[in-house]
Amino acid sequence: MIYSFMSGKREQDLYVRHFGASVGAKLVWTKHFFTKTQGNSQVPSSIRKRPLPQNVTGIIFAGMLRGNAHLFQLAKQHNIDFYYIDHAYFNSGYKNPHWMRIIKNGFAQNAIISQRDNNRYKSNFNTDFKDYSFKDKKNIVVLPPSDVVSKVFDKGAWEEDVIATLRKHTDRPIVIRKKVGTNIDKLLYNPTKQKNKIVYATSLEEELENAYCVVAFNSSAALDALRLGIPVICDKFCPAYPLSHSLSQIENLQEKSRKQLFNSLACGQFTLEEARNIKTFNYINTIRQWSGKFP
């Protein structure tokens, strides 16, 4: 039995319900897999986490907040297939018509799939690729993981490690752009908006105008960089991973063809109508979207 887990975020739950309905999944609430041990109004940081049902063969969930990180850990521990739903690679957001990415056993589609419609990107998201023009630029723009991603994948030292490695290979200026996200408890259950937001003098778009390279953990802004003709260095959690250089190559970056990657990613995100169609579930189960292991 496949279980679809709703977390309480309306736009994401809509996809969870419809994608699950296409395969007759059982609909449940993530919060039902937690038992309070103290407190009244919210799930506290000290709680008992329940195991998945014995008859589960797969789980569907959206995002890592509101307890879904627990489901992700259980799926890894017990080698259970999971279908992860989150923001789309292109035209992301919740305005109609909106798209969401759906990945089997992965966080983002980071492998170029062979079974794809090469016209899908052009028909729905087509934007021109700018010529590579990074060689006369200086700055390295570093995009660290958000607080949520750092906690889920144990990447609290990522920024420090990346900068230390870069300094072994280059003396170029490094610009750090942290993502404004949410404050969360240790179980990623109670998200609240940050009160003290980071305010930058320049926008990310303006920073990219002077970027020689973009280094990212998982940010989809790496795709914007590629489209603008800026090479990227990123982790396997990033959709730009197939075109990534290594940190040691920072002074020897190469131009890479981008069309195949963008065509591939366009086939890894779906409209709500597509999500509710069994053909989408079957398609996802016939392709390889994720490359690499989870920590």
C-alpha atoms as a PDB file:
ATOM      1  CA  MET A   1       0.000   0.000   0.000  1.00  0.00           C
ATOM      2  CA  ILE A   2       1.242   3.476  -0.904  1.00  0.00           C
ATOM      3  CA  TYR A   3       0.552   6.226   1.644  1.00  0.00           C
ATOM      4  CA  SER A   4       0.094   9.919   0.792  1.00  0.00           C
ATOM      5  CA  PHE A   5       1.069  12.206   3.668  1.00  0.00           C
ATOM      6  CA  MET A   6      -0.517  15.638   3.999  1.00  0.00           C
ATOM      7  CA  SER A   7       1.399  18.149   6.097  1.00  0.00           C
ATOM      8  CA  GLY A   8      -1.045  21.041   6.264  1.00  0.00           C
ATOM      9  CA  LYS A   9       0.326  23.278   3.516  1.00  0.00           C
ATOM     10  CA  ARG A  10      -2.623  23.613   1.175  1.00  0.00           C
ATOM     11  CA  GLU A  11      -0.824  24.019  -2.152  1.00  0.00           C
ATOM     12  CA  GLN A  12       1.484  21.074  -1.529  1.00  0.00           C
ATOM     13  CA  ASP A  13      -1.251  18.863  -0.092  1.00  0.00           C
ATOM     14  CA  LEU A  14      -3.248  19.387  -3.272  1.00  0.00           C
ATOM     15  CA  TYR A  15      -0.516  17.660  -5.268  1.00  0.00           C
ATOM     16  CA  VAL A  16      -0.042  14.982  -2.631  1.00  0.00           C
ATOM     17  CA  ARG A  17      -3.737  14.109  -2.746  1.00  0.00           C
ATOM     18  CA  HIS A  18      -4.058  14.021  -6.508  1.00  0.00           C
ATOM     19  CA  PHE A  19      -0.794  12.220  -7.215  1.00  0.00           C
ATOM     20  CA  GLY A  20      -1.687   9.657  -4.556  1.00  0.00           C
ATOM     21  CA  ALA A  21      -5.219   9.274  -5.875  1.00  0.00           C
ATOM     22  CA  SER A  22      -3.847   8.253  -9.274  1.00  0.00           C
ATOM     23  CA  VAL A  23      -2.522   5.028  -7.686  1.00  0.00           C
ATOM     24  CA  GLY A  24      -5.152   4.530  -4.988  1.00  0.00           C
ATOM     25  CA  ALA A  25      -2.863   5.641  -2.149  1.00  0.00           C
ATOM     26  CA  LYS A  26      -4.174   5.862   1.414  1.00  0.00           C
ATOM     27  CA  LEU A  27      -4.428   9.479   2.555  1.00  0.00           C
ATOM     28  CA  VAL A  28      -3.109  10.306   6.041  1.00  0.00           C
ATOM     29  CA  TRP A  29      -1.801  13.288   7.989  1.00  0.00           C
ATOM     30  CA  THR A  30       1.889  13.478   8.839  1.00  0.00           C
ATOM     31  CA  LYS A  31       1.062  14.815  12.313  1.00  0.00           C
ATOM     32  CA  HIS A  32      -0.692  11.550  13.148  1.00  0.00           C
ATOM     33  CA  PHE A  33       2.723   9.891  13.220  1.00  0.00           C
ATOM     34  CA  PHE A  34       3.764  11.957  16.224  1.00  0.00           C
ATOM     35  CA  THR A  35       2.614  11.682  19.820  1.00  0.00           C
ATOM     36  CA  LYS A  36       2.800  14.630  22.181  1.00  0.00           C
ATOM     37  CA  THR A  37       4.600  14.127  25.444  1.00  0.00           C
ATOM     38  CA  GLN A  38       4.148  17.674  26.685  1.00  0.00           C
ATOM     39  CA  GLY A  39       2.520  20.938  25.714  1.00  0.00           C
ATOM     40  CA  ASN A  40      -0.954  21.654  24.422  1.00  0.00           C
ATOM     41  CA  SER A  41      -1.163  23.887  21.370  1.00  0.00           C
ATOM     42  CA  GLN A  42       1.720  22.639  19.197  1.00  0.00           C
ATOM     43  CA  VAL A  43       3.784  19.527  18.725  1.00  0.00           C
ATOM     44  CA  PRO A  44       6.745  20.153  21.054  1.00  0.00           C
ATOM     45  CA  SER A  45      10.372  19.322  20.437  1.00  0.00           C
ATOM     46  CA  SER A  46      10.096  16.350  22.808  1.00  0.00           C
ATOM     47  CA  ILE A  47       7.804  13.876  21.065  1.00  0.00           C
ATOM     48  CA  ARG A  48       7.587  10.203  20.238  1.00  0.00           C
ATOM     49  CA  LYS A  49       7.853   9.406  16.545  1.00  0.00           C
ATOM     50  CA  ARG A  50       5.807   6.498  15.267  1.00  0.00           C
ATOM     51  CA  PRO A  51       6.983   3.941  12.697  1.00  0.00           C
ATOM     52  CA  LEU A  52       5.383   3.525   9.292  1.00  0.00           C
ATOM     53  CA  PRO A  53       2.640   0.877   8.917  1.00  0.00           C
ATOM     54  CA  GLN A  54       3.875  -2.630   8.169  1.00  0.00           C
ATOM     55  CA  ASN A  55       2.004  -2.797   4.874  1.00  0.00           C
ATOM     56  CA  VAL A  56       3.589   0.349   3.401  1.00  0.00           C
ATOM     57  CA  THR A  57       5.283  -0.120   0.032  1.00  0.00           C
ATOM     58  CA  GLY A  58       5.796   3.543  -0.803  1.00  0.00           C
ATOM     59  CA  ILE A  59       5.137   7.032   0.544  1.00  0.00           C
ATOM     60  CA  ILE A  60       4.281  10.359  -1.056  1.00  0.00           C
ATOM     61  CA  PHE A  61       5.056  13.645   0.699  1.00  0.00           C
ATOM     62  CA  ALA A  62       5.846  17.272  -0.109  1.00  0.00           C
ATOM     63  CA  GLY A  63       8.679  19.247   1.461  1.00  0.00           C
ATOM     64  CA  MET A  64      10.656  18.454   4.607  1.00  0.00           C
ATOM     65  CA  LEU A  65       8.793  20.617   7.121  1.00  0.00           C
ATOM     66  CA  ARG A  66       5.870  19.733   9.421  1.00  0.00           C
ATOM     67  CA  GLY A  67       7.298  16.335  10.283  1.00  0.00           C
ATOM     68  CA  ASN A  68       7.999  15.111   6.740  1.00  0.00           C
ATOM     69  CA  ALA A  69      11.722  14.901   7.504  1.00  0.00           C
ATOM     70  CA  HIS A  70      10.819  12.018   9.826  1.00  0.00           C
ATOM     71  CA  LEU A  71       9.084  10.226   6.944  1.00  0.00           C
ATOM     72  CA  PHE A  72      12.125  10.772   4.752  1.00  0.00           C
ATOM     73  CA  GLN A  73      14.395   9.235   7.383  1.00  0.00           C
ATOM     74  CA  LEU A  74      12.074   6.232   7.789  1.00  0.00           C
ATOM     75  CA  ALA A  75      11.994   5.642   4.038  1.00  0.00           C
ATOM     76  CA  LYS A  76      15.799   5.625   3.945  1.00  0.00           C
ATOM     77  CA  GLN A  77      16.132   3.346   6.956  1.00  0.00           C
ATOM     78  CA  HIS A  78      13.688   0.743   5.673  1.00  0.00           C
ATOM     79  CA  ASN A  79      14.496   1.008   1.963  1.00  0.00           C
ATOM     80  CA  ILE A  80      10.972   2.124   1.081  1.00  0.00           C
ATOM     81  CA  ASP A  81      10.286   3.966  -2.165  1.00  0.00           C
ATOM     82  CA  PHE A  82       9.322   7.585  -1.662  1.00  0.00           C
ATOM     83  CA  TYR A  83       7.940  10.178  -4.050  1.00  0.00           C
ATOM     84  CA  TYR A  84       9.082  13.664  -3.136  1.00  0.00           C
ATOM     85  CA  ILE A  85       7.137  16.749  -4.251  1.00  0.00           C
ATOM     86  CA  ASP A  86       8.446  20.315  -4.077  1.00  0.00           C
ATOM     87  CA  HIS A  87       8.882  23.563  -6.016  1.00  0.00           C
ATOM     88  CA  ALA A  88       9.303  23.267  -9.763  1.00  0.00           C
ATOM     89  CA  TYR A  89      12.566  23.970 -11.582  1.00  0.00           C
ATOM     90  CA  PHE A  90      10.855  26.441 -13.927  1.00  0.00           C
ATOM     91  CA  ASN A  91       7.857  28.711 -13.273  1.00  0.00           C
ATOM     92  CA  SER A  92       7.977  27.798  -9.595  1.00  0.00           C
ATOM     93  CA  GLY A  93       5.384  29.106  -7.190  1.00  0.00           C
ATOM     94  CA  TYR A  94       1.735  28.483  -6.453  1.00  0.00           C
ATOM     95  CA  LYS A  95       0.031  30.775  -8.949  1.00  0.00           C
ATOM     96  CA  ASN A  96      -2.164  29.082 -11.524  1.00  0.00           C
ATOM     97  CA  PRO A  97      -1.203  27.380 -13.626  1.00  0.00           C
ATOM     98  CA  HIS A  98       1.567  26.127 -11.383  1.00  0.00           C
ATOM     99  CA  TRP A  99       3.981  23.237 -11.562  1.00  0.00           C
ATOM    100  CA  MET A 100       5.658  21.027  -8.983  1.00  0.00           C
ATOM    101  CA  ARG A 101       8.586  18.676  -9.279  1.00  0.00           C
ATOM    102  CA  ILE A 102       8.033  15.011  -8.420  1.00  0.00           C
ATOM    103  CA  ILE A 103      11.048  12.746  -7.876  1.00  0.00           C
ATOM    104  CA  LYS A 104      11.197   9.099  -6.978  1.00  0.00           C
ATOM    105  CA  ASN A 105      13.761   8.333  -4.259  1.00  0.00           C
ATOM    106  CA  GLY A 106      15.476  11.675  -4.624  1.00  0.00           C
ATOM    107  CA  PHE A 107      15.460  15.320  -3.566  1.00  0.00           C
ATOM    108  CA  ALA A 108      15.778  16.935  -7.003  1.00  0.00           C
ATOM    109  CA  GLN A 109      16.148  15.526 -10.480  1.00  0.00           C
ATOM    110  CA  ASN A 110      19.928  15.513 -10.894  1.00  0.00           C
ATOM    111  CA  ALA A 111      20.374  13.068 -13.766  1.00  0.00           C
ATOM    112  CA  ILE A 112      19.633  13.719 -17.429  1.00  0.00           C
ATOM    113  CA  ILE A 113      16.838  11.360 -18.382  1.00  0.00           C
ATOM    114  CA  SER A 114      16.826   9.732 -21.793  1.00  0.00           C
ATOM    115  CA  GLN A 115      13.072   9.104 -22.056  1.00  0.00           C
ATOM    116  CA  ARG A 116      11.944  12.688 -22.454  1.00  0.00           C
ATOM    117  CA  ASP A 117      10.001  15.065 -24.645  1.00  0.00           C
ATOM    118  CA  ASN A 118      12.582  17.480 -26.044  1.00  0.00           C
ATOM    119  CA  ASN A 119       9.857  19.964 -26.981  1.00  0.00           C
ATOM    120  CA  ARG A 120       8.411  20.240 -23.474  1.00  0.00           C
ATOM    121  CA  TYR A 121      10.814  22.937 -22.274  1.00  0.00           C
ATOM    122  CA  LYS A 122      10.471  25.009 -25.425  1.00  0.00           C
ATOM    123  CA  SER A 123       6.679  24.742 -25.406  1.00  0.00           C
ATOM    124  CA  ASN A 124       6.151  25.636 -21.742  1.00  0.00           C
ATOM    125  CA  PHE A 125       9.171  27.457 -20.328  1.00  0.00           C
ATOM    126  CA  ASN A 126      11.323  28.484 -23.254  1.00  0.00           C
ATOM    127  CA  THR A 127      13.729  31.292 -22.453  1.00  0.00           C
ATOM    128  CA  ASP A 128      16.794  32.164 -24.448  1.00  0.00           C
ATOM    129  CA  PHE A 129      20.202  30.956 -23.332  1.00  0.00           C
ATOM    130  CA  LYS A 130      22.752  33.741 -23.167  1.00  0.00           C
ATOM    131  CA  ASP A 131      26.235  33.150 -24.495  1.00  0.00           C
ATOM    132  CA  TYR A 132      28.883  32.261 -21.947  1.00  0.00           C
ATOM    133  CA  SER A 133      30.619  35.469 -20.869  1.00  0.00           C
ATOM    134  CA  PHE A 134      32.153  34.553 -17.513  1.00  0.00           C
ATOM    135  CA  LYS A 135      35.833  34.804 -18.401  1.00  0.00           C
ATOM    136  CA  ASP A 136      35.937  38.571 -17.969  1.00  0.00           C
ATOM    137  CA  LYS A 137      34.097  38.427 -14.614  1.00  0.00           C
ATOM    138  CA  LYS A 138      35.669  38.074 -11.153  1.00  0.00           C
ATOM    139  CA  ASN A 139      33.220  37.177  -8.398  1.00  0.00           C
ATOM    140  CA  ILE A 140      32.359  33.717  -7.107  1.00  0.00           C
ATOM    141  CA  VAL A 141      28.786  33.725  -5.814  1.00  0.00           C
ATOM    142  CA  VAL A 142      28.229  31.103  -3.096  1.00  0.00           C
ATOM    143  CA  LEU A 143      24.677  29.971  -2.277  1.00  0.00           C
ATOM    144  CA  PRO A 144      24.645  27.953   0.982  1.00  0.00           C
ATOM    145  CA  PRO A 145      21.835  25.549   1.876  1.00  0.00           C
ATOM    146  CA  SER A 146      18.905  26.886   3.870  1.00  0.00           C
ATOM    147  CA  ASP A 147      18.542  26.155   7.563  1.00  0.00           C
ATOM    148  CA  VAL A 148      16.012  23.422   6.784  1.00  0.00           C
ATOM    149  CA  VAL A 149      18.210  21.684   4.217  1.00  0.00           C
ATOM    150  CA  SER A 150      21.265  21.958   6.477  1.00  0.00           C
ATOM    151  CA  LYS A 151      19.440  20.194   9.282  1.00  0.00           C
ATOM    152  CA  VAL A 152      17.914  17.438   7.139  1.00  0.00           C
ATOM    153  CA  PHE A 153      21.133  16.561   5.325  1.00  0.00           C
ATOM    154  CA  ASP A 154      23.615  17.472   8.075  1.00  0.00           C
ATOM    155  CA  LYS A 155      25.312  20.218   6.073  1.00  0.00           C
ATOM    156  CA  GLY A 156      25.884  22.804   8.785  1.00  0.00           C
ATOM    157  CA  ALA A 157      29.564  23.125   7.847  1.00  0.00           C
ATOM    158  CA  TRP A 158      28.992  23.294   4.083  1.00  0.00           C
ATOM    159  CA  GLU A 159      29.664  27.021   3.681  1.00  0.00           C
ATOM    160  CA  GLU A 160      32.839  26.938   5.761  1.00  0.00           C
ATOM    161  CA  ASP A 161      34.161  23.860   3.949  1.00  0.00           C
ATOM    162  CA  VAL A 162      33.460  25.288   0.495  1.00  0.00           C
ATOM    163  CA  ILE A 163      35.187  28.581   1.216  1.00  0.00           C
ATOM    164  CA  ALA A 164      38.219  26.796   2.660  1.00  0.00           C
ATOM    165  CA  THR A 165      38.493  24.616  -0.453  1.00  0.00           C
ATOM    166  CA  LEU A 166      38.055  27.561  -2.806  1.00  0.00           C
ATOM    167  CA  ARG A 167      40.846  29.451  -1.061  1.00  0.00           C
ATOM    168  CA  LYS A 168      43.213  26.579  -1.879  1.00  0.00           C
ATOM    169  CA  HIS A 169      42.629  27.153  -5.588  1.00  0.00           C
ATOM    170  CA  THR A 170      41.798  30.820  -6.114  1.00  0.00           C
ATOM    171  CA  ASP A 171      42.007  34.315  -4.639  1.00  0.00           C
ATOM    172  CA  ARG A 172      38.923  35.612  -6.439  1.00  0.00           C
ATOM    173  CA  PRO A 173      36.367  37.639  -4.444  1.00  0.00           C
ATOM    174  CA  ILE A 174      33.711  35.431  -2.822  1.00  0.00           C
ATOM    175  CA  VAL A 175      30.169  36.720  -2.369  1.00  0.00           C
ATOM    176  CA  ILE A 176      27.936  34.808   0.064  1.00  0.00           C
ATOM    177  CA  ARG A 177      24.195  34.932  -0.487  1.00  0.00           C
ATOM    178  CA  LYS A 178      22.258  33.144   2.228  1.00  0.00           C
ATOM    179  CA  LYS A 179      18.665  32.174   1.555  1.00  0.00           C
ATOM    180  CA  VAL A 180      16.026  33.724   3.744  1.00  0.00           C
ATOM    181  CA  GLY A 181      14.000  30.832   5.082  1.00  0.00           C
ATOM    182  CA  THR A 182      12.252  29.776   8.255  1.00  0.00           C
ATOM    183  CA  ASN A 183      13.072  29.224  11.886  1.00  0.00           C
ATOM    184  CA  ILE A 184      12.302  25.634  12.847  1.00  0.00           C
ATOM    185  CA  ASP A 185      12.500  23.294  15.779  1.00  0.00           C
ATOM    186  CA  LYS A 186      14.887  20.352  15.734  1.00  0.00           C
ATOM    187  CA  LEU A 187      12.249  18.040  14.254  1.00  0.00           C
ATOM    188  CA  LEU A 188      11.409  20.466  11.429  1.00  0.00           C
ATOM    189  CA  TYR A 189       7.855  20.465  12.675  1.00  0.00           C
ATOM    190  CA  ASN A 190       6.975  24.017  13.683  1.00  0.00           C
ATOM    191  CA  PRO A 191       8.141  26.417  10.954  1.00  0.00           C
ATOM    192  CA  THR A 192       7.896  30.154  11.620  1.00  0.00           C
ATOM    193  CA  LYS A 193       8.972  33.036   9.440  1.00  0.00           C
ATOM    194  CA  GLN A 194      12.268  34.655  10.323  1.00  0.00           C
ATOM    195  CA  LYS A 195      11.829  37.950  12.115  1.00  0.00           C
ATOM    196  CA  ASN A 196      15.304  39.253  11.338  1.00  0.00           C
ATOM    197  CA  LYS A 197      15.553  38.931   7.590  1.00  0.00           C
ATOM    198  CA  ILE A 198      18.829  39.349   5.755  1.00  0.00           C
ATOM    199  CA  VAL A 199      18.823  42.537   3.684  1.00  0.00           C
ATOM    200  CA  TYR A 200      21.343  42.825   0.866  1.00  0.00           C
ATOM    201  CA  ALA A 201      22.332  46.015  -0.906  1.00  0.00           C
ATOM    202  CA  THR A 202      22.076  44.262  -4.259  1.00  0.00           C
ATOM    203  CA  SER A 203      19.694  41.664  -5.603  1.00  0.00           C
ATOM    204  CA  LEU A 204      20.847  38.180  -6.572  1.00  0.00           C
ATOM    205  CA  GLU A 205      20.164  39.077 -10.204  1.00  0.00           C
ATOM    206  CA  GLU A 206      22.572  41.996  -9.899  1.00  0.00           C
ATOM    207  CA  GLU A 207      25.201  39.775  -8.285  1.00  0.00           C
ATOM    208  CA  LEU A 208      24.931  37.318 -11.158  1.00  0.00           C
ATOM    209  CA  GLU A 209      25.770  40.089 -13.613  1.00  0.00           C
ATOM    210  CA  ASN A 210      29.295  40.138 -12.165  1.00  0.00           C
ATOM    211  CA  ALA A 211      29.604  36.414 -11.464  1.00  0.00           C
ATOM    212  CA  TYR A 212      32.459  34.322 -12.781  1.00  0.00           C
ATOM    213  CA  CYS A 213      30.938  31.210 -11.218  1.00  0.00           C
ATOM    214  CA  VAL A 214      28.056  30.172  -8.966  1.00  0.00           C
ATOM    215  CA  VAL A 215      28.678  27.621  -6.219  1.00  0.00           C
ATOM    216  CA  ALA A 216      25.502  26.132  -4.744  1.00  0.00           C
ATOM    217  CA  PHE A 217      24.419  23.261  -2.566  1.00  0.00           C
ATOM    218  CA  ASN A 218      20.909  22.820  -3.919  1.00  0.00           C
ATOM    219  CA  SER A 219      19.641  26.216  -5.076  1.00  0.00           C
ATOM    220  CA  SER A 220      17.672  26.333  -8.325  1.00  0.00           C
ATOM    221  CA  ALA A 221      19.378  29.696  -8.884  1.00  0.00           C
ATOM    222  CA  ALA A 222      22.179  27.578 -10.353  1.00  0.00           C
ATOM    223  CA  LEU A 223      19.835  26.989 -13.289  1.00  0.00           C
ATOM    224  CA  ASP A 224      19.419  30.747 -13.710  1.00  0.00           C
ATOM    225  CA  ALA A 225      23.197  31.047 -13.712  1.00  0.00           C
ATOM    226  CA  LEU A 226      23.548  28.441 -16.446  1.00  0.00           C
ATOM    227  CA  ARG A 227      20.909  30.146 -18.549  1.00  0.00           C
ATOM    228  CA  LEU A 228      22.828  33.411 -18.200  1.00  0.00           C
ATOM    229  CA  GLY A 229      26.066  31.772 -19.309  1.00  0.00           C
ATOM    230  CA  ILE A 230      27.655  31.365 -15.870  1.00  0.00           C
ATOM    231  CA  PRO A 231      29.327  28.023 -14.987  1.00  0.00           C
ATOM    232  CA  VAL A 232      28.230  26.277 -11.805  1.00  0.00           C
ATOM    233  CA  ILE A 233      29.726  24.103  -9.100  1.00  0.00           C
ATOM    234  CA  CYS A 234      27.096  22.277  -7.097  1.00  0.00           C
ATOM    235  CA  ASP A 235      26.237  19.245  -5.032  1.00  0.00           C
ATOM    236  CA  LYS A 236      24.130  16.291  -6.146  1.00  0.00           C
ATOM    237  CA  PHE A 237      21.153  17.893  -4.378  1.00  0.00           C
ATOM    238  CA  CYS A 238      21.068  20.590  -7.082  1.00  0.00           C
ATOM    239  CA  PRO A 239      19.202  20.175 -10.403  1.00  0.00           C
ATOM    240  CA  ALA A 240      22.209  21.713 -12.200  1.00  0.00           C
ATOM    241  CA  TYR A 241      24.431  18.845 -11.027  1.00  0.00           C
ATOM    242  CA  PRO A 242      24.932  17.203 -14.454  1.00  0.00           C
ATOM    243  CA  LEU A 243      26.767  20.348 -15.630  1.00  0.00           C
ATOM    244  CA  SER A 244      28.734  20.944 -12.438  1.00  0.00           C
ATOM    245  CA  HIS A 245      32.475  21.500 -12.281  1.00  0.00           C
ATOM    246  CA  SER A 246      34.523  20.611  -9.202  1.00  0.00           C
ATOM    247  CA  LEU A 247      35.886  23.163  -6.762  1.00  0.00           C
ATOM    248  CA  SER A 248      39.428  22.314  -7.820  1.00  0.00           C
ATOM    249  CA  GLN A 249      38.527  23.391 -11.384  1.00  0.00           C
ATOM    250  CA  ILE A 250      37.574  26.909 -10.345  1.00  0.00           C
ATOM    251  CA  GLU A 251      40.311  28.485 -12.481  1.00  0.00           C
ATOM    252  CA  ASN A 252      39.683  26.171 -15.405  1.00  0.00           C
ATOM    253  CA  LEU A 253      35.943  26.379 -16.032  1.00  0.00           C
ATOM    254  CA  GLN A 254      34.565  25.230 -19.358  1.00  0.00           C
ATOM    255  CA  GLU A 255      31.517  26.052 -21.432  1.00  0.00           C
ATOM    256  CA  LYS A 256      28.984  23.212 -21.341  1.00  0.00           C
ATOM    257  CA  SER A 257      25.942  22.630 -23.511  1.00  0.00           C
ATOM    258  CA  ARG A 258      22.773  23.325 -21.529  1.00  0.00           C
ATOM    259  CA  LYS A 259      19.921  22.233 -23.792  1.00  0.00           C
ATOM    260  CA  GLN A 260      19.757  18.574 -22.771  1.00  0.00           C
ATOM    261  CA  LEU A 261      19.674  19.404 -19.075  1.00  0.00           C
ATOM    262  CA  PHE A 262      16.856  21.920 -19.413  1.00  0.00           C
ATOM    263  CA  ASN A 263      14.864  19.581 -21.664  1.00  0.00           C
ATOM    264  CA  SER A 264      15.303  16.842 -19.088  1.00  0.00           C
ATOM    265  CA  LEU A 265      14.241  18.964 -16.105  1.00  0.00           C
ATOM    266  CA  ALA A 266      11.121  20.103 -17.939  1.00  0.00           C
ATOM    267  CA  CYS A 267      10.077  16.440 -17.983  1.00  0.00           C
ATOM    268  CA  GLY A 268      10.518  16.141 -14.211  1.00  0.00           C
ATOM    269  CA  GLN A 269       7.916  18.723 -13.194  1.00  0.00           C
ATOM    270  CA  PHE A 270       4.192  18.384 -13.653  1.00  0.00           C
ATOM    271  CA  THR A 271       0.939  20.298 -13.664  1.00  0.00           C
ATOM    272  CA  LEU A 272      -1.805  19.287 -11.250  1.00  0.00           C
ATOM    273  CA  GLU A 273      -3.713  17.681 -14.097  1.00  0.00           C
ATOM    274  CA  GLU A 274      -0.663  15.605 -14.971  1.00  0.00           C
ATOM    275  CA  ALA A 275      -0.075  14.681 -11.321  1.00  0.00           C
ATOM    276  CA  ARG A 276      -3.532  13.137 -11.062  1.00  0.00           C
ATOM    277  CA  ASN A 277      -2.970  11.033 -14.203  1.00  0.00           C
ATOM    278  CA  ILE A 278      -1.681   7.485 -13.674  1.00  0.00           C
ATOM    279  CA  LYS A 279       0.532   7.977 -16.742  1.00  0.00           C
ATOM    280  CA  THR A 280       2.712  10.361 -14.709  1.00  0.00           C
ATOM    281  CA  PHE A 281       3.220   7.827 -11.919  1.00  0.00           C
ATOM    282  CA  ASN A 282       4.090   5.138 -14.453  1.00  0.00           C
ATOM    283  CA  TYR A 283       6.484   7.466 -16.272  1.00  0.00           C
ATOM    284  CA  ILE A 284       8.329   8.387 -13.085  1.00  0.00           C
ATOM    285  CA  ASN A 285       8.768   4.708 -12.332  1.00  0.00           C
ATOM    286  CA  THR A 286      10.411   4.035 -15.698  1.00  0.00           C
ATOM    287  CA  ILE A 287      13.077   6.763 -15.594  1.00  0.00           C
ATOM    288  CA  ARG A 288      16.154   7.428 -13.463  1.00  0.00           C
ATOM    289  CA  GLN A 289      15.868  10.882 -11.937  1.00  0.00           C
ATOM    290  CA  TRP A 290      18.286  10.745  -9.000  1.00  0.00           C
ATOM    291  CA  SER A 291      22.008  10.006  -8.981  1.00  0.00           C
ATOM    292  CA  GLY A 292      23.912   9.466  -5.734  1.00  0.00           C
ATOM    293  CA  LYS A 293      23.316   8.407  -2.158  1.00  0.00           C
ATOM    294  CA  PHE A 294      21.851  10.280   0.770  1.00  0.00           C
ATOM    295  CA  PRO A 295      24.043  10.933   3.835  1.00  0.00           C
END
